[in-house]
Protein backbone atom coordinates (compact mmCIF):
# COMPACT_ATOMS: atom_id res chain seq x y z
CA MET A 1 -16.75 -24.89 9.49
CA PRO A 2 -17.94 -24.10 13.16
CA GLY A 3 -19.17 -26.60 15.55
CA MET A 4 -18.12 -30.36 15.82
CA LEU A 5 -17.66 -32.59 13.10
CA ARG A 6 -18.50 -36.22 13.79
CA GLN A 7 -16.89 -38.92 11.87
CA LYS A 8 -18.83 -41.65 10.24
CA LEU A 9 -18.89 -44.91 12.87
CA PRO A 10 -18.42 -48.49 11.52
CA LYS A 11 -20.94 -49.51 14.02
CA LYS A 12 -24.15 -47.62 15.27
CA ALA A 13 -23.04 -45.19 18.02
CA LEU A 14 -25.46 -43.87 20.97
CA SER A 15 -25.12 -40.65 22.72
CA SER A 16 -25.44 -39.97 26.52
CA LYS A 17 -27.39 -37.10 25.86
CA ALA A 18 -30.86 -37.10 23.98
CA LEU A 19 -30.21 -39.11 20.63
CA GLY A 20 -30.67 -37.34 17.70
CA SER A 21 -29.54 -34.03 18.73
CA ASN A 22 -27.34 -32.78 15.90
CA LYS A 23 -26.62 -29.31 16.93
CA ALA A 24 -22.74 -29.86 16.98
CA GLY A 25 -22.87 -31.42 13.52
CA ALA A 26 -24.53 -28.63 11.76
CA THR A 27 -22.84 -27.12 8.86
CA SER A 28 -23.40 -23.75 6.56
CA ALA A 29 -24.33 -25.99 3.49
CA GLY A 30 -27.02 -27.90 5.30
CA ARG A 31 -28.70 -24.79 7.23
CA GLY A 32 -31.38 -24.57 4.73
CA GLN A 33 -32.44 -21.07 5.15
CA PRO A 34 -31.94 -18.25 3.03
CA LYS A 35 -28.87 -16.36 3.34
CA PRO A 36 -29.29 -12.05 2.80
CA LYS A 37 -27.38 -10.80 -0.03
CA MET A 38 -24.03 -9.36 1.83
CA SER A 39 -21.78 -6.52 0.31
CA ASN A 40 -18.30 -7.81 0.66
CA PRO A 41 -15.85 -5.19 1.92
CA ARG A 42 -12.44 -4.55 -0.04
CA THR A 43 -10.10 -5.48 2.52
CA GLN A 44 -6.07 -6.19 3.14
CA PRO A 45 -4.71 -9.24 4.99
CA GLY A 46 -3.85 -7.92 8.27
CA ALA A 47 -0.47 -8.16 10.25
CA ALA A 48 0.91 -9.91 7.24
CA GLY A 49 4.60 -9.50 8.35
CA ARG A 50 4.33 -11.58 11.51
CA LYS A 51 6.14 -15.04 11.49
CA LYS A 52 3.13 -17.60 10.99
CA ASP A 53 4.88 -20.42 11.18
CA ARG A 54 6.57 -19.87 14.71
CA LEU A 55 4.97 -21.80 17.61
CA VAL A 56 3.96 -20.58 20.92
CA ALA A 57 2.45 -22.94 23.51
CA LEU A 58 -0.47 -21.70 25.40
CA PRO A 59 -1.49 -22.76 29.15
CA GLY A 60 -2.58 -26.42 29.42
CA SER A 61 -5.77 -27.96 30.35
CA ASP A 62 -4.33 -28.51 34.06
CA GLU A 63 -3.11 -25.20 34.19
CA THR A 64 -6.52 -23.62 32.86
CA HIS A 65 -8.60 -25.85 34.98
CA ASP A 66 -8.95 -22.83 37.96
CA MET A 67 -9.50 -20.22 35.80
CA ARG A 68 -12.75 -21.74 33.68
CA ALA A 69 -15.96 -20.01 35.70
CA HIS A 70 -18.08 -21.98 33.61
CA SER A 71 -16.93 -25.17 31.79
CA VAL A 72 -18.86 -27.42 30.15
CA GLU A 73 -18.71 -31.08 29.93
CA ARG A 74 -18.32 -32.57 26.71
CA GLU A 75 -21.07 -34.94 25.32
CA ARG A 76 -19.81 -38.41 25.64
CA ILE A 77 -20.54 -41.05 22.75
CA PHE A 78 -20.94 -44.84 23.28
CA PHE A 79 -21.01 -47.71 20.66
CA GLU A 80 -23.66 -50.26 21.57
CA ASP A 81 -21.60 -52.49 23.35
CA GLY A 82 -20.48 -49.69 25.88
CA THR A 83 -17.14 -48.73 24.55
CA GLU A 84 -16.74 -45.00 24.85
CA ILE A 85 -15.90 -43.32 21.52
CA ALA A 86 -13.13 -40.32 21.39
CA ALA A 87 -14.25 -37.08 20.92
CA PRO A 88 -13.65 -35.70 17.30
CA GLU A 89 -12.15 -32.23 16.80
CA MET A 90 -14.06 -29.14 16.57
CA ARG A 91 -12.97 -26.76 14.41
CA GLY A 92 -13.83 -23.40 13.14
CA ARG A 93 -12.95 -20.18 11.62
CA VAL A 94 -11.94 -16.79 13.55
CA MET A 95 -12.23 -13.53 11.75
CA VAL A 96 -11.14 -10.17 12.92
CA TYR A 97 -11.94 -6.85 11.31
CA CYS A 98 -11.22 -3.59 11.95
CA THR A 99 -13.99 -1.27 10.44
CA ALA A 100 -13.99 2.40 12.29
CA GLU A 101 -11.89 4.26 14.54
CA GLU A 102 -14.37 3.34 17.28
CA PHE A 103 -17.91 2.37 17.82
CA ASP A 104 -20.97 3.81 19.37
CA MET A 105 -21.30 0.98 22.08
CA LYS A 106 -24.75 2.02 23.44
CA GLU A 107 -26.24 2.33 20.27
CA LEU A 108 -24.41 -0.69 19.13
CA GLN A 109 -25.64 -2.89 22.06
CA LYS A 110 -29.09 -1.52 21.42
CA ARG A 111 -29.14 -2.55 17.75
CA HIS A 112 -27.86 -6.29 18.53
CA ARG A 113 -30.61 -6.72 21.04
CA GLU A 114 -33.32 -5.76 18.56
CA ILE A 115 -31.94 -7.98 16.00
CA TYR A 116 -30.62 -10.96 17.84
CA ASN A 117 -31.78 -12.59 21.52
CA ALA A 118 -31.18 -9.81 24.30
CA SER A 119 -30.16 -12.37 26.72
CA THR A 120 -27.26 -13.39 24.69
CA LEU A 121 -25.66 -10.11 25.07
CA THR A 122 -23.08 -9.79 27.82
CA VAL A 123 -21.52 -6.43 28.72
CA TYR A 124 -17.68 -6.29 29.91
CA PRO A 125 -15.16 -3.35 30.06
CA GLU A 126 -14.20 -2.20 26.52
CA LEU A 127 -16.18 -4.83 24.63
CA LEU A 128 -19.79 -6.66 24.37
CA HIS A 129 -19.93 -10.32 23.92
CA GLY A 130 -22.59 -11.71 21.90
CA GLY A 131 -23.44 -15.41 22.16
CA LEU A 132 -25.50 -16.17 18.97
CA SER A 133 -28.68 -18.44 19.19
CA ALA A 134 -28.56 -21.68 17.65
CA GLU A 135 -31.19 -20.60 15.23
CA ARG A 136 -28.86 -17.86 13.90
CA VAL A 137 -25.98 -20.18 13.05
CA GLY A 138 -27.61 -23.34 12.06
CA GLY A 139 -27.36 -24.91 15.88
CA ALA A 140 -23.55 -24.35 15.84
CA VAL A 141 -21.83 -22.67 18.82
CA ALA A 142 -20.89 -19.04 17.82
CA ASP A 143 -19.58 -15.81 19.15
CA VAL A 144 -19.24 -12.10 18.36
CA PHE A 145 -17.15 -9.55 20.34
CA TYR A 146 -17.37 -5.88 19.48
CA PHE A 147 -14.45 -4.14 20.84
CA ASP A 148 -15.05 -0.23 21.34
CA TYR A 149 -12.22 1.18 19.53
CA GLY A 150 -13.65 -0.14 16.14
CA VAL A 151 -12.78 -3.93 15.91
CA VAL A 152 -15.01 -6.89 15.81
CA VAL A 153 -13.93 -10.41 16.36
CA PHE A 154 -16.13 -13.40 14.87
CA TRP A 155 -15.86 -16.56 16.64
CA GLY A 156 -17.26 -19.77 14.67
CA LEU A 157 -19.09 -18.14 11.79
CA VAL A 158 -19.34 -18.38 8.00
CA HIS A 159 -18.57 -15.50 5.76
CA GLU A 160 -22.22 -14.98 5.06
CA GLU A 161 -23.12 -14.12 8.68
CA GLU A 162 -20.03 -12.17 9.32
CA MET A 163 -21.59 -9.57 6.43
CA GLU A 164 -25.03 -9.80 8.11
CA ILE A 165 -23.64 -8.52 11.39
CA LEU A 166 -21.34 -5.75 9.74
CA ASP A 167 -23.89 -4.64 7.70
CA ARG A 168 -26.98 -4.53 10.20
CA VAL A 169 -25.06 -3.84 13.39
CA VAL A 170 -21.63 -2.63 13.02
CA ARG A 171 -21.81 -0.32 10.26
CA PRO A 172 -24.71 1.72 11.29
CA ASN A 173 -23.12 2.54 14.52
CA SER A 174 -19.35 3.15 13.36
CA ILE A 175 -17.70 6.50 14.34
CA ASP A 176 -15.40 7.35 11.90
CA PRO A 177 -15.86 4.64 9.54
CA LEU A 178 -12.73 3.40 7.37
CA LEU A 179 -12.68 3.64 3.65
CA SER A 180 -13.26 -0.10 2.10
CA LYS A 181 -9.52 0.12 0.87
CA ASP A 182 -8.70 0.94 4.69
CA ILE A 183 -10.49 -1.92 6.32
CA GLU A 184 -8.21 -4.47 7.88
CA VAL A 185 -8.94 -8.01 7.99
CA ASP A 186 -7.02 -11.05 9.78
CA GLU A 187 -8.04 -14.87 9.60
CA PHE A 188 -7.67 -17.51 12.02
CA GLU A 189 -8.95 -21.16 12.67
CA TYR A 190 -9.76 -22.81 16.24
CA VAL A 191 -9.34 -26.42 16.89
CA TYR A 192 -10.78 -28.07 20.10
CA SER A 193 -8.47 -30.91 20.25
CA VAL A 194 -8.40 -34.11 22.79
CA THR A 195 -4.99 -35.11 21.66
CA GLU A 196 -2.86 -32.13 21.08
CA ARG A 197 -1.25 -29.50 23.35
CA PRO A 198 -2.92 -26.04 23.68
CA LYS A 199 -0.63 -23.83 20.92
CA VAL A 200 -0.93 -21.19 18.38
CA GLN A 201 0.87 -22.00 15.12
CA ASN A 202 0.28 -20.96 11.42
CA ASP A 203 -2.31 -19.11 12.67
CA VAL A 204 -4.18 -21.84 14.01
CA ILE A 205 -5.54 -21.78 17.66
CA THR A 206 -5.31 -25.27 19.15
CA LEU A 207 -7.11 -25.46 22.69
CA SER A 208 -8.37 -28.33 24.89
CA VAL A 209 -11.97 -29.56 24.63
CA SER A 210 -12.65 -28.83 28.12
CA MET A 211 -12.45 -24.96 27.31
CA ALA A 212 -15.08 -25.25 24.36
CA GLY A 213 -17.57 -23.81 26.55
CA ASP A 214 -15.75 -20.97 28.35
CA ALA A 215 -16.57 -17.49 27.06
CA THR A 216 -13.71 -16.13 29.19
CA VAL A 217 -10.95 -18.23 27.02
CA LYS A 218 -12.40 -16.72 23.84
CA ILE A 219 -12.50 -13.13 25.43
CA SER A 220 -8.77 -13.62 26.33
CA ILE A 221 -7.63 -14.90 23.25
CA ALA A 222 -10.08 -12.14 21.04
CA HIS A 223 -8.50 -8.90 23.44
CA ALA A 224 -5.13 -9.98 21.93
CA LEU A 225 -6.46 -10.54 18.26
CA ALA A 226 -8.49 -7.20 18.07
CA GLN A 227 -5.21 -5.26 19.64
CA SER A 228 -3.22 -6.98 16.89
CA LEU A 229 -5.51 -5.67 14.08
CA LYS A 230 -5.67 -2.21 15.49
CA LEU A 231 -2.01 -1.86 15.66
CA CYS A 232 -1.88 -3.07 11.91
CA ILE A 233 -3.84 0.26 10.93
CA TYR A 234 -1.27 2.37 12.25
CA GLU A 235 1.19 0.30 11.00
CA LYS A 236 0.13 0.88 7.60
CA ARG A 237 -0.45 4.51 7.93
CA VAL A 238 3.11 5.17 9.33
CA SER A 239 4.44 3.16 6.41
CA LEU A 240 2.62 4.85 3.80
CA MET A 241 4.04 8.27 5.14
CA ALA A 242 7.24 6.57 5.25
CA SER A 243 7.12 5.84 1.65
CA GLU A 244 5.81 9.05 0.63
CA SER A 245 8.69 11.08 2.29
CA LYS A 246 11.64 8.67 1.70
CA HIS A 247 12.77 10.92 -1.13
CA LEU A 248 13.19 13.94 0.50
CA PRO A 249 16.65 13.05 2.28
CA GLU A 250 17.86 11.89 -0.88
CA THR A 251 17.23 15.20 -2.70
CA LEU A 252 18.41 17.09 0.10
CA ALA A 253 21.88 15.11 0.00
CA GLU A 254 22.01 15.21 -3.80
CA SER A 255 21.13 18.93 -4.27
CA GLY A 256 21.48 20.33 -0.79
CA SER A 257 17.65 21.39 -0.72
CA VAL A 258 14.58 19.32 -0.84
CA GLY A 259 12.72 21.21 -3.37
CA ILE A 260 9.28 21.38 -1.65
CA SER A 261 7.67 24.65 -0.01
CA SER A 262 7.64 25.52 3.84
CA LEU A 263 3.80 25.15 3.56
CA GLU A 264 4.29 21.40 2.52
CA ILE A 265 6.60 20.82 5.13
CA HIS A 266 4.63 22.11 7.62
CA LYS A 267 1.86 19.96 6.26
CA LEU A 268 3.89 16.76 6.53
CA ILE A 269 5.03 17.77 10.27
CA GLY A 270 1.36 18.02 11.06
CA GLU A 271 0.43 14.91 9.60
CA LEU A 272 3.07 13.08 11.35
CA PHE A 273 2.32 14.76 14.59
CA ILE A 274 -1.44 13.54 14.02
CA HIS A 275 -0.23 9.85 13.58
CA ARG A 276 2.31 10.25 16.71
CA SER A 277 -0.74 11.42 19.01
CA ALA A 278 -2.57 8.72 17.75
CA VAL A 279 0.19 5.97 18.37
CA ASN A 280 0.33 7.57 21.89
CA LEU A 281 -3.61 7.04 22.38
CA LEU A 282 -3.07 3.64 21.00
CA SER A 283 -0.90 2.47 24.12
CA THR A 284 -4.11 3.00 25.93
CA VAL A 285 -5.92 0.61 23.82
CA LEU A 286 -2.50 -1.99 24.01
CA ASP A 287 -2.62 -2.04 27.68
CA THR A 288 -3.50 -4.70 29.72
CA PRO A 289 -7.47 -4.64 29.21
CA GLU A 290 -9.42 -4.09 32.36
CA PHE A 291 -11.20 -7.55 31.72
CA PHE A 292 -8.25 -9.23 33.49
CA TRP A 293 -8.16 -7.11 36.52
CA ASP A 294 -10.99 -9.34 38.16
CA VAL A 295 -10.31 -12.92 36.43
CA PRO A 296 -7.97 -15.62 37.34
CA ASP A 297 -4.40 -14.83 36.45
CA ALA A 298 -4.10 -17.79 33.99
CA LEU A 299 -6.60 -16.05 31.67
CA GLN A 300 -4.10 -13.22 31.58
CA GLY A 301 -1.08 -15.95 30.89
CA LEU A 302 -3.21 -16.81 27.71
CA TYR A 303 -3.95 -13.37 26.69
CA ARG A 304 0.34 -12.82 27.16
CA LYS A 305 0.77 -15.90 24.85
CA VAL A 306 -1.20 -15.04 22.02
CA CYS A 307 0.22 -11.82 22.18
CA GLU A 308 3.54 -13.24 21.78
CA TYR A 309 2.51 -14.91 18.97
CA LEU A 310 1.35 -11.66 17.44
CA GLU A 311 4.68 -10.11 18.52
CA LEU A 312 2.57 -6.93 20.00
CA ASP A 313 5.82 -5.91 21.92
CA THR A 314 8.34 -6.10 19.01
CA ARG A 315 5.74 -4.30 16.48
CA VAL A 316 5.04 -1.57 18.90
CA GLU A 317 8.66 -0.60 19.53
CA ILE A 318 9.33 -0.81 15.61
CA LEU A 319 6.49 1.64 15.06
CA ASN A 320 7.63 3.85 17.75
CA ALA A 321 11.05 3.66 16.16
CA ARG A 322 9.55 4.58 12.85
CA CYS A 323 7.67 7.63 14.13
CA GLN A 324 10.84 8.86 15.67
CA VAL A 325 12.90 8.41 12.48
CA LEU A 326 10.09 10.27 10.72
CA GLY A 327 10.03 13.00 13.52
CA ASP A 328 13.88 13.48 13.49
CA LEU A 329 13.70 13.64 9.46
CA LEU A 330 11.03 16.36 9.16
CA GLN A 331 12.86 18.21 12.10
CA ILE A 332 15.92 18.48 9.78
CA LEU A 333 13.70 19.80 7.10
CA ARG A 334 12.24 22.16 9.07
CA ASP A 335 15.51 23.36 10.27
CA GLN A 336 16.84 23.50 6.83
CA GLN A 337 13.65 25.44 5.83
CA ASN A 338 14.10 28.18 8.71
CA PHE A 339 17.93 28.65 7.73
CA ALA A 340 16.70 29.14 4.05
CA HIS A 341 14.41 31.65 5.42
CA GLY A 342 16.95 33.43 7.71
CA SER A 343 19.08 33.75 4.79
CA ARG A 344 16.59 35.38 2.79
CA LEU A 345 15.73 37.73 5.44
CA GLU A 346 19.53 38.51 5.88
CA TRP A 347 19.76 39.22 2.17
CA ILE A 348 16.89 41.61 2.37
CA VAL A 349 18.14 43.30 5.07
CA ILE A 350 21.71 43.49 3.07
CA TRP A 351 20.10 45.01 0.29
CA LEU A 352 18.05 47.48 2.36
CA ILE A 353 21.19 48.61 3.81
CA VAL A 354 22.93 49.00 0.20
CA ILE A 355 19.58 51.17 -0.98
CA GLU A 356 20.03 53.12 1.94
CA CYS A 357 23.75 53.96 1.64
CA PHE A 358 23.13 54.88 -2.00
CA VAL A 359 20.30 57.19 -1.00
CA GLY A 360 22.59 58.65 1.23
CA LEU A 361 25.22 59.10 -1.22
CA LEU A 362 23.16 60.99 -3.50
CA GLU A 363 22.00 63.30 -0.45
CA VAL A 364 25.57 64.01 0.33
CA ALA A 365 26.49 64.49 -3.38
CA SER A 366 23.56 66.86 -3.94
CA MET A 367 24.47 68.77 -0.86
CA LEU A 368 28.13 69.35 -2.00
CA GLY A 369 26.86 70.24 -5.41
CA TRP A 370 28.36 67.49 -7.43
CA ILE A 371 24.70 66.71 -8.48
CA ASP A 372 22.24 69.75 -9.55
CA SER A 373 19.40 69.07 -7.21
CA ALA A 374 17.18 70.96 -9.56
CA GLY A 375 18.10 68.38 -12.29
């Protein structure tokens, strides 16, 4: 439910802005415009293994005051007697989708500008930020972030709007799109509060109300969420490969051989090499984004805190360790196959020598007359 939800008041309330403007109070139920029929991707929950109940404190409003390049003053609401009403909380959902290996950013940018307002699209290193207009989202504040490595983050949209953007903008400009069963999705909630300290807990991102209009805050958080989901793709792939090959050391220990051909082992080694190369390339994705090179350090601190909640560093270490274990296992299997192949060659040489000796004995026997050569 994006945007600010105003509570019913016991007496008539007046706004410091133009009365009757209810942009912030719009909900998906009251939009009145027909929604296009969307195709729902078959998805799996992302980052299922993280500890969602852990609390990570984010930089507070005092610490982030100097980092807001475009802070927006919140609307002040008063009773008729002049008493100011405390601002209600603003809530909404944050959805993260990984649908492809990468995006064609030039074509995606062109497509977004064709469908939505061109002035709402801002280009940053590694991503495009689209601030959707009020007409598109029923008057509520909403953002979409396209990352060049195949991840899109929706901030403050409803499901139908997300599916529309995925169908009309994202999928036509995807490079190596993922199968429906491989698409990863992660879901969060954001809350702009006037009472709670900024934090992340149980996948709820609590921020100060003063940050509500700051796009750089959303970008900082979106970077961490996108990197986490991209990492989840490789975690699933390596885990699948580990589960498919876990029987090999057991078979080797029981029977002394793995029971698969050298060709199959070489295929496994090649598949692992592809995954390890992808993980090495992933390290460039997981580096601190270029966006933070030219912004205040407090924004990078916010990004680091969200990464801490998502346990990015720990997950990368575990992924590298799993790749190393698989690499060691397959190296042992390859050595075992090489040894078996060498043994076969040795036996072939031995039998060739035996045959040669036998033929030589026949020739000697024939020369000595022990064997009738004519016969």
